């Protein structure tokens, strides 16, 4: 988000992940990681509503099992900020074609009062819809300050054995490199 027009201004970043209707929306989770760019406003604490947990710049976790799941974080805007959004859960892992409603992740910018929108008339500058029954997303921006870029369309989950093999290979390669460097150091003396 290019927030240069707000640089130095106190405001708030509002992140939410909500179902269309709980009875017709398949369970899903949203996670925000890698937040960088805005300075947290230590004079105003963040607030979480519904099934939302965590604090920026750390990991935020949302699920869509209540109607409103929101993290409202007061900040001092810099020239930009960014984060990584990922989805998981049954709606992603095993989409149900009988589900009837999307879940929507939204990003809003407000003044610190939480009511006065910034940038757009309603404060919402971008949404990412987790489409029902498809395990697909539809990003939408409502302001030119927002750029949404896919990081990956799938994230395979390696098994614990694969992690162990990768770790052992890394240790083996590191050991071989250290032995070679030690031999080269001896030859140079």
Foldseek 3Di string as FASTA:
>chain_A
DFPAVQAQAKWKKKKWKEWPDLVQAAKKKKKKADKDFWAFDPVDAKDWDDQWDDDPPHMIMHMHNDGITMIITITRGRRDIDIDMDMDDCCQPPADPRRDIWMKIWIFMGGHVVAHGPPDRRRTAKMWTCDHRPNDIDIDGDHPSDDDDDPDSDDDDDDPVVVVVVVVVVVVVVVVVVVVVVVVVVVVD
